[in-house]
Amino acid sequence: VSQSMQVKLLRAIQEREIRRVGENRTRSVDVRVIAATNCELSEAVTAGTFREDLYYRLNVVEIRIPALRDRREDILPLARALLADAARRMHRPGFRLAPSAAAQLLHYRWPGNVRELGNVMERGIALANGDRLELDDLPPEVRQIAVETTEIIGAVRHLADIEKDYILAALRVNKGNQTHTAEQLAIGSATLYRKLKNYAIVRQAAP
């Protein structure tokens, strides 16, 4: 935010008045300001790039949200929501996330956080041929993680292992509720039960 814009924002918050572009009179406003940033504003204040008085005006109640890589339990719910939103905008109803692609999302560190995740979902829909976002529809930097992992452990992961990880992650997100898990995975309850039995995770999944 430029210094001139900071001055205008500070005045609007303090005086509760604004002046529209092209007008020569002020208007009273009664609003609450919710501000978000991906940088440390206290450091910006010290560096002189952010006004101290504006910082304290904004910093009444601070909510710190960890980076996406530090809250992996949020990755799949966010991915589903972002995918559904993008599918709606791109007229692709019923579009969903393939288990292999979903499992891969959990391995990536997401340096760009939610914005990057949203871009990946939108890109996947644009590239996908069917009604699912497959592993091959993910960008190279996301797909590469599996290659690096297998090189480290000296083995190639089978698709079944990836699917099992995805199911376990979905169960954790849904607190073991198999009905909600099946809905999230876009499969029937009977199919989920069969997969749980095949992967020997029936007891762990019991609601």
N, C-alpha and C. Protein backbone atom coordinates (compact mmCIF):
# COMPACT_ATOMS: atom_id res chain seq x y z
N VAL A 1 0.85 -1.18 0.00
CA VAL A 1 0.00 0.00 0.00
C VAL A 1 0.89 1.24 0.00
N SER A 2 0.65 2.13 -0.93
CA SER A 2 1.47 3.34 -1.03
C SER A 2 1.26 4.23 0.19
N GLN A 3 2.23 5.11 0.44
CA GLN A 3 2.14 6.03 1.57
C GLN A 3 0.90 6.92 1.45
N SER A 4 0.62 7.40 0.25
CA SER A 4 -0.55 8.28 0.06
C SER A 4 -1.85 7.53 0.35
N MET A 5 -1.91 6.26 -0.06
CA MET A 5 -3.11 5.47 0.21
C MET A 5 -3.23 5.17 1.70
N GLN A 6 -2.11 4.99 2.39
CA GLN A 6 -2.14 4.76 3.83
C GLN A 6 -2.73 5.97 4.55
N VAL A 7 -2.37 7.17 4.10
CA VAL A 7 -2.90 8.39 4.70
C VAL A 7 -4.42 8.45 4.52
N LYS A 8 -4.89 8.13 3.33
CA LYS A 8 -6.34 8.16 3.05
C LYS A 8 -7.08 7.12 3.88
N LEU A 9 -6.49 5.93 4.00
CA LEU A 9 -7.13 4.87 4.78
C LEU A 9 -7.18 5.25 6.25
N LEU A 10 -6.10 5.81 6.76
CA LEU A 10 -6.06 6.23 8.16
C LEU A 10 -7.12 7.29 8.42
N ARG A 11 -7.25 8.25 7.52
CA ARG A 11 -8.24 9.31 7.69
C ARG A 11 -9.66 8.73 7.68
N ALA A 12 -9.90 7.78 6.80
CA ALA A 12 -11.23 7.17 6.73
C ALA A 12 -11.58 6.43 8.01
N ILE A 13 -10.59 5.74 8.58
CA ILE A 13 -10.84 4.99 9.82
C ILE A 13 -11.02 5.93 11.00
N GLN A 14 -10.19 6.97 11.08
CA GLN A 14 -10.25 7.89 12.22
C GLN A 14 -11.47 8.81 12.17
N GLU A 15 -11.68 9.41 11.01
CA GLU A 15 -12.74 10.41 10.90
C GLU A 15 -14.08 9.80 10.50
N ARG A 16 -14.06 8.54 10.06
CA ARG A 16 -15.26 7.87 9.57
C ARG A 16 -15.91 8.67 8.43
N GLU A 17 -15.05 9.19 7.58
CA GLU A 17 -15.50 9.95 6.42
C GLU A 17 -14.68 9.57 5.20
N ILE A 18 -15.33 9.59 4.04
CA ILE A 18 -14.62 9.32 2.79
C ILE A 18 -15.06 10.35 1.75
N ARG A 19 -14.26 10.48 0.72
CA ARG A 19 -14.63 11.34 -0.40
C ARG A 19 -14.50 10.51 -1.67
N ARG A 20 -15.59 10.35 -2.38
CA ARG A 20 -15.59 9.56 -3.60
C ARG A 20 -14.78 10.28 -4.69
N VAL A 21 -14.24 9.48 -5.59
CA VAL A 21 -13.49 10.04 -6.71
C VAL A 21 -14.40 10.93 -7.54
N GLY A 22 -13.96 12.16 -7.76
CA GLY A 22 -14.73 13.10 -8.57
C GLY A 22 -15.68 13.97 -7.78
N GLU A 23 -15.83 13.70 -6.48
CA GLU A 23 -16.72 14.50 -5.64
C GLU A 23 -15.91 15.51 -4.84
N ASN A 24 -16.56 16.60 -4.43
CA ASN A 24 -15.88 17.61 -3.62
C ASN A 24 -16.46 17.69 -2.21
N ARG A 25 -17.25 16.71 -1.83
CA ARG A 25 -17.79 16.67 -0.48
C ARG A 25 -17.52 15.31 0.15
N THR A 26 -17.49 15.28 1.46
CA THR A 26 -17.22 14.04 2.18
C THR A 26 -18.53 13.36 2.55
N ARG A 27 -18.44 12.06 2.74
CA ARG A 27 -19.59 11.26 3.15
C ARG A 27 -19.24 10.52 4.43
N SER A 28 -20.18 10.45 5.34
CA SER A 28 -19.97 9.70 6.58
C SER A 28 -20.14 8.21 6.31
N VAL A 29 -19.31 7.41 6.92
CA VAL A 29 -19.40 5.95 6.77
C VAL A 29 -19.31 5.31 8.15
N ASP A 30 -20.01 4.21 8.30
CA ASP A 30 -19.97 3.45 9.56
C ASP A 30 -19.64 2.01 9.19
N VAL A 31 -18.38 1.68 9.20
CA VAL A 31 -17.94 0.36 8.75
C VAL A 31 -16.94 -0.23 9.74
N ARG A 32 -16.79 -1.53 9.64
CA ARG A 32 -15.72 -2.23 10.35
C ARG A 32 -14.71 -2.70 9.32
N VAL A 33 -13.46 -2.52 9.62
CA VAL A 33 -12.40 -2.85 8.67
C VAL A 33 -11.77 -4.18 9.04
N ILE A 34 -11.74 -5.09 8.08
CA ILE A 34 -11.03 -6.36 8.24
C ILE A 34 -9.87 -6.35 7.26
N ALA A 35 -8.67 -6.35 7.76
CA ALA A 35 -7.48 -6.27 6.91
C ALA A 35 -6.70 -7.57 6.98
N ALA A 36 -6.10 -7.94 5.87
CA ALA A 36 -5.29 -9.17 5.81
C ALA A 36 -3.96 -8.86 5.14
N THR A 37 -2.93 -9.54 5.56
CA THR A 37 -1.60 -9.35 4.98
C THR A 37 -0.81 -10.63 5.06
N ASN A 38 0.15 -10.79 4.16
CA ASN A 38 1.04 -11.95 4.21
C ASN A 38 2.45 -11.55 4.62
N CYS A 39 2.59 -10.34 5.17
CA CYS A 39 3.90 -9.90 5.65
C CYS A 39 3.77 -9.42 7.09
N GLU A 40 4.90 -9.25 7.77
CA GLU A 40 4.92 -8.77 9.15
C GLU A 40 4.84 -7.25 9.14
N LEU A 41 3.67 -6.71 9.47
CA LEU A 41 3.51 -5.26 9.45
C LEU A 41 4.37 -4.56 10.49
N SER A 42 4.63 -5.23 11.61
CA SER A 42 5.49 -4.61 12.63
C SER A 42 6.89 -4.36 12.07
N GLU A 43 7.37 -5.29 11.24
CA GLU A 43 8.67 -5.10 10.61
C GLU A 43 8.61 -3.99 9.57
N ALA A 44 7.47 -3.90 8.87
CA ALA A 44 7.30 -2.83 7.88
C ALA A 44 7.28 -1.46 8.56
N VAL A 45 6.70 -1.41 9.76
CA VAL A 45 6.69 -0.17 10.53
C VAL A 45 8.12 0.22 10.90
N THR A 46 8.88 -0.75 11.38
CA THR A 46 10.28 -0.49 11.74
C THR A 46 11.09 -0.03 10.53
N ALA A 47 10.79 -0.62 9.38
CA ALA A 47 11.51 -0.27 8.15
C ALA A 47 11.04 1.05 7.56
N GLY A 48 9.94 1.58 8.07
CA GLY A 48 9.44 2.86 7.59
C GLY A 48 8.58 2.79 6.35
N THR A 49 8.15 1.59 5.98
CA THR A 49 7.31 1.44 4.78
C THR A 49 5.82 1.37 5.12
N PHE A 50 5.50 1.29 6.41
CA PHE A 50 4.09 1.26 6.82
C PHE A 50 3.92 2.20 8.01
N ARG A 51 2.89 3.02 7.96
CA ARG A 51 2.67 4.02 9.00
C ARG A 51 2.36 3.36 10.35
N GLU A 52 3.02 3.84 11.39
CA GLU A 52 2.82 3.27 12.72
C GLU A 52 1.41 3.56 13.23
N ASP A 53 0.91 4.78 12.99
CA ASP A 53 -0.43 5.12 13.48
C ASP A 53 -1.51 4.28 12.79
N LEU A 54 -1.33 3.99 11.50
CA LEU A 54 -2.28 3.13 10.80
C LEU A 54 -2.18 1.69 11.30
N TYR A 55 -0.97 1.27 11.60
CA TYR A 55 -0.76 -0.10 12.11
C TYR A 55 -1.56 -0.31 13.40
N TYR A 56 -1.49 0.65 14.32
CA TYR A 56 -2.19 0.49 15.59
C TYR A 56 -3.71 0.68 15.43
N ARG A 57 -4.11 1.44 14.43
CA ARG A 57 -5.54 1.56 14.15
C ARG A 57 -6.12 0.23 13.65
N LEU A 58 -5.34 -0.47 12.85
CA LEU A 58 -5.80 -1.74 12.27
C LEU A 58 -5.63 -2.91 13.23
N ASN A 59 -4.59 -2.85 14.04
CA ASN A 59 -4.22 -4.00 14.87
C ASN A 59 -4.96 -4.00 16.20
N VAL A 60 -6.29 -4.02 16.13
CA VAL A 60 -7.11 -4.08 17.34
C VAL A 60 -7.26 -5.53 17.79
N VAL A 61 -7.71 -6.38 16.90
CA VAL A 61 -7.80 -7.82 17.17
C VAL A 61 -7.01 -8.53 16.07
N GLU A 62 -5.98 -9.23 16.46
CA GLU A 62 -5.13 -9.90 15.47
C GLU A 62 -5.39 -11.41 15.48
N ILE A 63 -5.60 -11.97 14.32
CA ILE A 63 -5.78 -13.41 14.17
C ILE A 63 -4.68 -13.92 13.25
N ARG A 64 -3.81 -14.73 13.79
CA ARG A 64 -2.71 -15.27 12.98
C ARG A 64 -3.12 -16.63 12.42
N ILE A 65 -3.06 -16.77 11.12
CA ILE A 65 -3.39 -18.03 10.46
C ILE A 65 -2.10 -18.66 9.96
N PRO A 66 -1.77 -19.87 10.42
CA PRO A 66 -0.53 -20.52 9.99
C PRO A 66 -0.52 -20.76 8.49
N ALA A 67 0.67 -20.93 7.95
CA ALA A 67 0.81 -21.26 6.54
C ALA A 67 0.10 -22.58 6.25
N LEU A 68 -0.35 -22.74 5.03
CA LEU A 68 -1.11 -23.94 4.66
C LEU A 68 -0.31 -25.21 4.91
N ARG A 69 0.99 -25.17 4.73
CA ARG A 69 1.82 -26.36 4.93
C ARG A 69 1.83 -26.80 6.40
N ASP A 70 1.47 -25.88 7.32
CA ASP A 70 1.46 -26.19 8.74
C ASP A 70 0.08 -26.62 9.23
N ARG A 71 -0.89 -26.65 8.36
CA ARG A 71 -2.24 -27.12 8.71
C ARG A 71 -2.78 -27.98 7.58
N ARG A 72 -2.13 -29.11 7.40
CA ARG A 72 -2.45 -29.98 6.28
C ARG A 72 -3.87 -30.54 6.34
N GLU A 73 -4.45 -30.54 7.52
CA GLU A 73 -5.83 -31.03 7.63
C GLU A 73 -6.81 -30.10 6.89
N ASP A 74 -6.36 -28.89 6.57
CA ASP A 74 -7.22 -27.95 5.85
C ASP A 74 -7.07 -28.04 4.33
N ILE A 75 -6.03 -28.73 3.86
CA ILE A 75 -5.73 -28.73 2.43
C ILE A 75 -6.88 -29.32 1.61
N LEU A 76 -7.34 -30.51 1.97
CA LEU A 76 -8.38 -31.16 1.17
C LEU A 76 -9.73 -30.43 1.24
N PRO A 77 -10.20 -30.01 2.42
CA PRO A 77 -11.45 -29.25 2.43
C PRO A 77 -11.36 -27.97 1.60
N LEU A 78 -10.23 -27.27 1.69
CA LEU A 78 -10.05 -26.06 0.90
C LEU A 78 -10.00 -26.38 -0.59
N ALA A 79 -9.29 -27.46 -0.92
CA ALA A 79 -9.18 -27.86 -2.33
C ALA A 79 -10.56 -28.16 -2.91
N ARG A 80 -11.39 -28.88 -2.14
CA ARG A 80 -12.74 -29.21 -2.61
C ARG A 80 -13.57 -27.94 -2.82
N ALA A 81 -13.48 -27.02 -1.86
CA ALA A 81 -14.27 -25.79 -1.96
C ALA A 81 -13.81 -24.95 -3.15
N LEU A 82 -12.50 -24.83 -3.31
CA LEU A 82 -11.96 -24.04 -4.42
C LEU A 82 -12.26 -24.69 -5.76
N LEU A 83 -12.20 -26.03 -5.78
CA LEU A 83 -12.50 -26.76 -7.01
C LEU A 83 -13.97 -26.58 -7.39
N ALA A 84 -14.85 -26.67 -6.40
CA ALA A 84 -16.28 -26.50 -6.67
C ALA A 84 -16.58 -25.10 -7.18
N ASP A 85 -15.92 -24.11 -6.58
CA ASP A 85 -16.13 -22.73 -7.01
C ASP A 85 -15.65 -22.52 -8.44
N ALA A 86 -14.46 -23.04 -8.75
CA ALA A 86 -13.92 -22.91 -10.11
C ALA A 86 -14.77 -23.67 -11.11
N ALA A 87 -15.25 -24.85 -10.72
CA ALA A 87 -16.09 -25.65 -11.61
C ALA A 87 -17.39 -24.92 -11.94
N ARG A 88 -17.94 -24.22 -10.95
CA ARG A 88 -19.16 -23.45 -11.17
C ARG A 88 -18.91 -22.32 -12.17
N ARG A 89 -17.80 -21.63 -11.98
CA ARG A 89 -17.49 -20.50 -12.86
C ARG A 89 -17.15 -20.96 -14.28
N MET A 90 -16.59 -22.16 -14.40
CA MET A 90 -16.17 -22.66 -15.71
C MET A 90 -17.19 -23.63 -16.31
N HIS A 91 -18.37 -23.67 -15.69
CA HIS A 91 -19.48 -24.49 -16.21
C HIS A 91 -19.09 -25.96 -16.36
N ARG A 92 -18.49 -26.50 -15.28
CA ARG A 92 -18.12 -27.92 -15.24
C ARG A 92 -18.78 -28.56 -14.03
N PRO A 93 -20.11 -28.66 -14.00
CA PRO A 93 -20.80 -29.22 -12.82
C PRO A 93 -20.40 -30.66 -12.56
N GLY A 94 -20.32 -31.02 -11.27
CA GLY A 94 -19.98 -32.39 -10.91
C GLY A 94 -18.51 -32.71 -10.98
N PHE A 95 -17.68 -31.71 -11.25
CA PHE A 95 -16.24 -31.96 -11.35
C PHE A 95 -15.69 -32.29 -9.96
N ARG A 96 -14.79 -33.28 -9.89
CA ARG A 96 -14.28 -33.70 -8.58
C ARG A 96 -12.79 -34.01 -8.65
N LEU A 97 -12.25 -34.32 -7.48
CA LEU A 97 -10.82 -34.55 -7.31
C LEU A 97 -10.54 -36.04 -7.27
N ALA A 98 -9.66 -36.52 -8.14
CA ALA A 98 -9.28 -37.93 -8.14
C ALA A 98 -8.44 -38.23 -6.90
N PRO A 99 -8.56 -39.44 -6.32
CA PRO A 99 -7.79 -39.78 -5.12
C PRO A 99 -6.29 -39.58 -5.28
N SER A 100 -5.73 -39.94 -6.42
CA SER A 100 -4.28 -39.80 -6.62
C SER A 100 -3.87 -38.33 -6.60
N ALA A 101 -4.69 -37.47 -7.21
CA ALA A 101 -4.38 -36.04 -7.21
C ALA A 101 -4.53 -35.45 -5.81
N ALA A 102 -5.58 -35.88 -5.10
CA ALA A 102 -5.81 -35.38 -3.75
C ALA A 102 -4.67 -35.76 -2.82
N ALA A 103 -4.19 -37.00 -2.93
CA ALA A 103 -3.08 -37.44 -2.09
C ALA A 103 -1.83 -36.61 -2.37
N GLN A 104 -1.64 -36.26 -3.63
CA GLN A 104 -0.46 -35.48 -4.00
C GLN A 104 -0.51 -34.08 -3.40
N LEU A 105 -1.70 -33.52 -3.30
CA LEU A 105 -1.84 -32.19 -2.71
C LEU A 105 -1.33 -32.15 -1.28
N LEU A 106 -1.46 -33.27 -0.57
CA LEU A 106 -1.04 -33.33 0.82
C LEU A 106 0.48 -33.35 0.97
N HIS A 107 1.19 -33.75 -0.08
CA HIS A 107 2.65 -33.83 -0.02
C HIS A 107 3.33 -32.51 -0.36
N TYR A 108 2.63 -31.63 -1.05
CA TYR A 108 3.23 -30.38 -1.52
C TYR A 108 3.25 -29.35 -0.38
N ARG A 109 4.24 -28.45 -0.38
CA ARG A 109 4.41 -27.50 0.73
C ARG A 109 3.60 -26.20 0.57
N TRP A 110 3.09 -25.92 -0.58
CA TRP A 110 2.24 -24.76 -0.84
C TRP A 110 2.86 -23.44 -0.38
N PRO A 111 3.97 -23.05 -0.99
CA PRO A 111 4.58 -21.76 -0.62
C PRO A 111 3.67 -20.57 -0.89
N GLY A 112 2.76 -20.72 -1.87
CA GLY A 112 1.82 -19.64 -2.17
C GLY A 112 0.51 -19.73 -1.41
N ASN A 113 0.43 -20.69 -0.47
CA ASN A 113 -0.73 -20.86 0.39
C ASN A 113 -2.04 -21.04 -0.40
N VAL A 114 -3.14 -20.51 0.13
CA VAL A 114 -4.46 -20.79 -0.44
C VAL A 114 -4.59 -20.25 -1.86
N ARG A 115 -3.95 -19.12 -2.13
CA ARG A 115 -4.03 -18.56 -3.48
C ARG A 115 -3.43 -19.51 -4.50
N GLU A 116 -2.30 -20.11 -4.15
CA GLU A 116 -1.67 -21.07 -5.05
C GLU A 116 -2.55 -22.30 -5.23
N LEU A 117 -3.14 -22.78 -4.14
CA LEU A 117 -4.03 -23.94 -4.22
C LEU A 117 -5.20 -23.64 -5.15
N GLY A 118 -5.77 -22.45 -5.03
CA GLY A 118 -6.87 -22.08 -5.91
C GLY A 118 -6.46 -22.04 -7.37
N ASN A 119 -5.26 -21.52 -7.63
CA ASN A 119 -4.77 -21.48 -9.01
C ASN A 119 -4.57 -22.89 -9.58
N VAL A 120 -4.08 -23.80 -8.73
CA VAL A 120 -3.86 -25.18 -9.17
C VAL A 120 -5.19 -25.85 -9.49
N MET A 121 -6.21 -25.60 -8.67
CA MET A 121 -7.52 -26.19 -8.94
C MET A 121 -8.10 -25.66 -10.25
N GLU A 122 -7.99 -24.37 -10.46
CA GLU A 122 -8.53 -23.77 -11.70
C GLU A 122 -7.77 -24.27 -12.92
N ARG A 123 -6.45 -24.39 -12.80
CA ARG A 123 -5.64 -24.91 -13.90
C ARG A 123 -6.03 -26.34 -14.22
N GLY A 124 -6.26 -27.14 -13.17
CA GLY A 124 -6.62 -28.54 -13.36
C GLY A 124 -7.91 -28.70 -14.12
N ILE A 125 -8.90 -27.88 -13.79
CA ILE A 125 -10.18 -27.95 -14.49
C ILE A 125 -10.00 -27.59 -15.96
N ALA A 126 -9.18 -26.59 -16.22
CA ALA A 126 -8.96 -26.14 -17.60
C ALA A 126 -8.29 -27.22 -18.44
N LEU A 127 -7.43 -28.04 -17.81
CA LEU A 127 -6.67 -29.04 -18.55
C LEU A 127 -7.34 -30.41 -18.59
N ALA A 128 -8.22 -30.67 -17.64
CA ALA A 128 -8.80 -32.01 -17.52
C ALA A 128 -9.71 -32.34 -18.71
N ASN A 129 -9.64 -33.59 -19.13
CA ASN A 129 -10.49 -34.06 -20.23
C ASN A 129 -11.82 -34.62 -19.74
N GLY A 130 -11.79 -35.24 -18.56
CA GLY A 130 -13.00 -35.86 -18.03
C GLY A 130 -13.66 -35.00 -16.98
N ASP A 131 -14.30 -35.68 -16.01
CA ASP A 131 -14.99 -34.96 -14.95
C ASP A 131 -14.24 -35.03 -13.63
N ARG A 132 -12.93 -35.40 -13.70
CA ARG A 132 -12.11 -35.46 -12.50
C ARG A 132 -10.77 -34.78 -12.75
N LEU A 133 -10.24 -34.16 -11.71
CA LEU A 133 -8.89 -33.61 -11.77
C LEU A 133 -7.93 -34.73 -11.41
N GLU A 134 -7.18 -35.20 -12.38
CA GLU A 134 -6.27 -36.32 -12.19
C GLU A 134 -4.87 -35.84 -11.82
N LEU A 135 -4.03 -36.78 -11.40
CA LEU A 135 -2.66 -36.46 -11.03
C LEU A 135 -1.92 -35.75 -12.16
N ASP A 136 -2.14 -36.18 -13.38
CA ASP A 136 -1.45 -35.59 -14.53
C ASP A 136 -1.92 -34.16 -14.83
N ASP A 137 -3.05 -33.76 -14.24
CA ASP A 137 -3.55 -32.41 -14.46
C ASP A 137 -2.91 -31.39 -13.52
N LEU A 138 -2.15 -31.86 -12.54
CA LEU A 138 -1.47 -30.97 -11.60
C LEU A 138 -0.22 -30.39 -12.25
N PRO A 139 0.20 -29.20 -11.85
CA PRO A 139 1.41 -28.61 -12.43
C PRO A 139 2.65 -29.40 -12.05
N PRO A 140 3.72 -29.31 -12.84
CA PRO A 140 4.94 -30.11 -12.61
C PRO A 140 5.51 -29.97 -11.21
N GLU A 141 5.50 -28.75 -10.65
CA GLU A 141 6.11 -28.56 -9.34
C GLU A 141 5.36 -29.31 -8.25
N VAL A 142 4.06 -29.56 -8.45
CA VAL A 142 3.29 -30.33 -7.48
C VAL A 142 3.51 -31.83 -7.71
N ARG A 143 3.48 -32.25 -8.96
CA ARG A 143 3.71 -33.67 -9.28
C ARG A 143 5.12 -34.10 -8.91
N GLN A 144 6.09 -33.21 -8.98
CA GLN A 144 7.49 -33.55 -8.76
C GLN A 144 7.74 -34.07 -7.35
N ILE A 145 6.92 -33.68 -6.40
CA ILE A 145 7.13 -34.07 -5.01
C ILE A 145 7.15 -35.58 -4.87
N ALA A 146 6.28 -36.28 -5.57
CA ALA A 146 6.23 -37.74 -5.48
C ALA A 146 7.53 -38.35 -5.99
N VAL A 147 8.08 -37.78 -7.06
CA VAL A 147 9.33 -38.30 -7.62
C VAL A 147 10.46 -38.14 -6.63
N GLU A 148 10.53 -36.94 -6.00
CA GLU A 148 11.60 -36.71 -5.03
C GLU A 148 11.46 -37.64 -3.84
N THR A 149 10.22 -37.86 -3.39
CA THR A 149 10.00 -38.73 -2.24
C THR A 149 10.42 -40.16 -2.54
N THR A 150 10.05 -40.67 -3.70
CA THR A 150 10.38 -42.05 -4.02
C THR A 150 11.88 -42.21 -4.21
N GLU A 151 12.56 -41.15 -4.68
CA GLU A 151 14.01 -41.25 -4.83
C GLU A 151 14.68 -41.34 -3.47
N ILE A 152 14.11 -40.63 -2.49
CA ILE A 152 14.70 -40.66 -1.15
C ILE A 152 14.53 -42.02 -0.50
N ILE A 153 13.35 -42.59 -0.59
CA ILE A 153 13.11 -43.87 0.08
C ILE A 153 13.51 -45.05 -0.79
N GLY A 154 13.85 -44.79 -2.03
CA GLY A 154 14.34 -45.85 -2.91
C GLY A 154 13.27 -46.80 -3.37
N ALA A 155 12.04 -46.34 -3.46
CA ALA A 155 10.96 -47.22 -3.92
C ALA A 155 9.88 -46.38 -4.57
N VAL A 156 9.12 -46.99 -5.45
CA VAL A 156 8.02 -46.31 -6.11
C VAL A 156 6.73 -46.64 -5.37
N ARG A 157 5.98 -45.62 -5.02
CA ARG A 157 4.73 -45.86 -4.31
C ARG A 157 3.68 -46.34 -5.29
N HIS A 158 2.93 -47.34 -4.86
CA HIS A 158 1.84 -47.84 -5.68
C HIS A 158 0.64 -46.91 -5.55
N LEU A 159 -0.19 -46.90 -6.58
CA LEU A 159 -1.38 -46.08 -6.56
C LEU A 159 -2.28 -46.45 -5.39
N ALA A 160 -2.31 -47.73 -5.03
CA ALA A 160 -3.13 -48.17 -3.90
C ALA A 160 -2.68 -47.51 -2.61
N ASP A 161 -1.36 -47.32 -2.44
CA ASP A 161 -0.85 -46.66 -1.24
C ASP A 161 -1.29 -45.20 -1.19
N ILE A 162 -1.26 -44.56 -2.35
CA ILE A 162 -1.69 -43.16 -2.43
C ILE A 162 -3.17 -43.04 -2.10
N GLU A 163 -3.97 -43.96 -2.64
CA GLU A 163 -5.40 -43.94 -2.37
C GLU A 163 -5.67 -44.17 -0.89
N LYS A 164 -4.93 -45.09 -0.29
CA LYS A 164 -5.11 -45.36 1.14
C LYS A 164 -4.82 -44.11 1.96
N ASP A 165 -3.72 -43.40 1.62
CA ASP A 165 -3.39 -42.17 2.33
C ASP A 165 -4.50 -41.14 2.20
N TYR A 166 -5.07 -41.06 1.01
CA TYR A 166 -6.14 -40.09 0.76
C TYR A 166 -7.37 -40.42 1.60
N ILE A 167 -7.71 -41.70 1.65
CA ILE A 167 -8.87 -42.12 2.45
C ILE A 167 -8.64 -41.83 3.93
N LEU A 168 -7.44 -42.14 4.41
CA LEU A 168 -7.12 -41.87 5.81
C LEU A 168 -7.20 -40.37 6.11
N ALA A 169 -6.70 -39.56 5.18
CA ALA A 169 -6.75 -38.11 5.37
C ALA A 169 -8.20 -37.63 5.42
N ALA A 170 -9.03 -38.17 4.53
CA ALA A 170 -10.45 -37.79 4.51
C ALA A 170 -11.15 -38.21 5.79
N LEU A 171 -10.80 -39.38 6.30
CA LEU A 171 -11.37 -39.85 7.57
C LEU A 171 -10.99 -38.92 8.72
N ARG A 172 -9.73 -38.47 8.72
CA ARG A 172 -9.29 -37.56 9.78
C ARG A 172 -10.06 -36.24 9.71
N VAL A 173 -10.20 -35.72 8.50
CA VAL A 173 -10.92 -34.46 8.32
C VAL A 173 -12.36 -34.59 8.80
N ASN A 174 -12.98 -35.75 8.56
CA ASN A 174 -14.38 -35.97 8.93
C ASN A 174 -14.54 -36.66 10.28
N LYS A 175 -13.44 -36.70 11.05
CA LYS A 175 -13.46 -37.25 12.41
C LYS A 175 -14.00 -38.68 12.45
N GLY A 176 -13.65 -39.47 11.42
CA GLY A 176 -14.02 -40.87 11.40
C GLY A 176 -15.42 -41.15 10.90
N ASN A 177 -16.18 -40.13 10.57
CA ASN A 177 -17.55 -40.33 10.10
C ASN A 177 -17.52 -40.86 8.67
N GLN A 178 -17.93 -42.12 8.49
CA GLN A 178 -17.81 -42.77 7.19
C GLN A 178 -18.79 -42.20 6.16
N THR A 179 -19.97 -41.77 6.61
CA THR A 179 -20.94 -41.20 5.68
C THR A 179 -20.41 -39.91 5.06
N HIS A 180 -19.87 -39.03 5.92
CA HIS A 180 -19.31 -37.77 5.43
C HIS A 180 -18.06 -38.02 4.59
N THR A 181 -17.28 -39.02 4.98
CA THR A 181 -16.07 -39.35 4.22
C THR A 181 -16.43 -39.82 2.82
N ALA A 182 -17.44 -40.66 2.71
CA ALA A 182 -17.87 -41.15 1.40
C ALA A 182 -18.35 -40.00 0.53
N GLU A 183 -19.07 -39.05 1.14
CA GLU A 183 -19.55 -37.89 0.38
C GLU A 183 -18.38 -37.05 -0.11
N GLN A 184 -17.38 -36.88 0.75
CA GLN A 184 -16.20 -36.10 0.36
C GLN A 184 -15.45 -36.77 -0.78
N LEU A 185 -15.35 -38.09 -0.72
CA LEU A 185 -14.62 -38.83 -1.75
C LEU A 185 -15.45 -39.04 -3.01
N ALA A 186 -16.71 -38.63 -2.96
CA ALA A 186 -17.62 -38.80 -4.10
C ALA A 186 -17.77 -40.26 -4.50
N ILE A 187 -17.88 -41.13 -3.48
CA ILE A 187 -18.12 -42.55 -3.73
C ILE A 187 -19.26 -43.00 -2.82
N GLY A 188 -19.84 -44.15 -3.11
CA GLY A 188 -20.91 -44.68 -2.29
C GLY A 188 -20.39 -45.24 -0.98
N SER A 189 -21.27 -45.35 0.00
CA SER A 189 -20.88 -45.89 1.31
C SER A 189 -20.39 -47.32 1.19
N ALA A 190 -21.02 -48.11 0.32
CA ALA A 190 -20.60 -49.50 0.14
C ALA A 190 -19.20 -49.58 -0.45
N THR A 191 -18.91 -48.68 -1.39
CA THR A 191 -17.57 -48.64 -1.99
C THR A 191 -16.53 -48.26 -0.95
N LEU A 192 -16.85 -47.28 -0.11
CA LEU A 192 -15.93 -46.88 0.93
C LEU A 192 -15.69 -48.02 1.90
N TYR A 193 -16.76 -48.71 2.30
CA TYR A 193 -16.62 -49.83 3.23
C TYR A 193 -15.70 -50.90 2.65
N ARG A 194 -15.87 -51.18 1.37
CA ARG A 194 -15.03 -52.19 0.72
C ARG A 194 -13.56 -51.76 0.70
N LYS A 195 -13.32 -50.50 0.44
CA LYS A 195 -11.94 -50.01 0.41
C LYS A 195 -11.33 -50.02 1.81
N LEU A 196 -12.12 -49.66 2.81
CA LEU A 196 -11.63 -49.70 4.19
C LEU A 196 -11.25 -51.13 4.58
N LYS A 197 -12.07 -52.07 4.15
CA LYS A 197 -11.79 -53.48 4.45
C LYS A 197 -10.54 -53.94 3.72
N ASN A 198 -10.40 -53.55 2.45
CA ASN A 198 -9.23 -53.95 1.66
C ASN A 198 -7.94 -53.40 2.26
N TYR A 199 -8.02 -52.18 2.80
CA TYR A 199 -6.82 -51.54 3.34
C TYR A 199 -6.67 -51.79 4.84
N ALA A 200 -7.54 -52.61 5.40
CA ALA A 200 -7.47 -52.99 6.82
C ALA A 200 -7.52 -51.77 7.73
N ILE A 201 -8.40 -50.83 7.43
CA ILE A 201 -8.53 -49.65 8.27
C ILE A 201 -9.98 -49.48 8.76
N VAL A 202 -10.72 -50.59 8.77
CA VAL A 202 -12.13 -50.52 9.18
C VAL A 202 -12.26 -50.07 10.62
N ARG A 203 -11.44 -50.62 11.51
CA ARG A 203 -11.55 -50.26 12.92
C ARG A 203 -11.17 -48.80 13.15
N GLN A 204 -10.13 -48.35 12.47
CA GLN A 204 -9.71 -46.97 12.64
C GLN A 204 -10.77 -46.00 12.16
N ALA A 205 -11.57 -46.44 11.19
CA ALA A 205 -12.53 -45.53 10.57
C ALA A 205 -13.87 -45.51 11.28
N ALA A 206 -14.05 -46.38 12.28
CA ALA A 206 -15.36 -46.48 12.91
C ALA A 206 -15.76 -45.17 13.54
N PRO A 207 -16.97 -44.67 13.27
CA PRO A 207 -17.40 -43.38 13.82
C PRO A 207 -17.66 -43.50 15.32
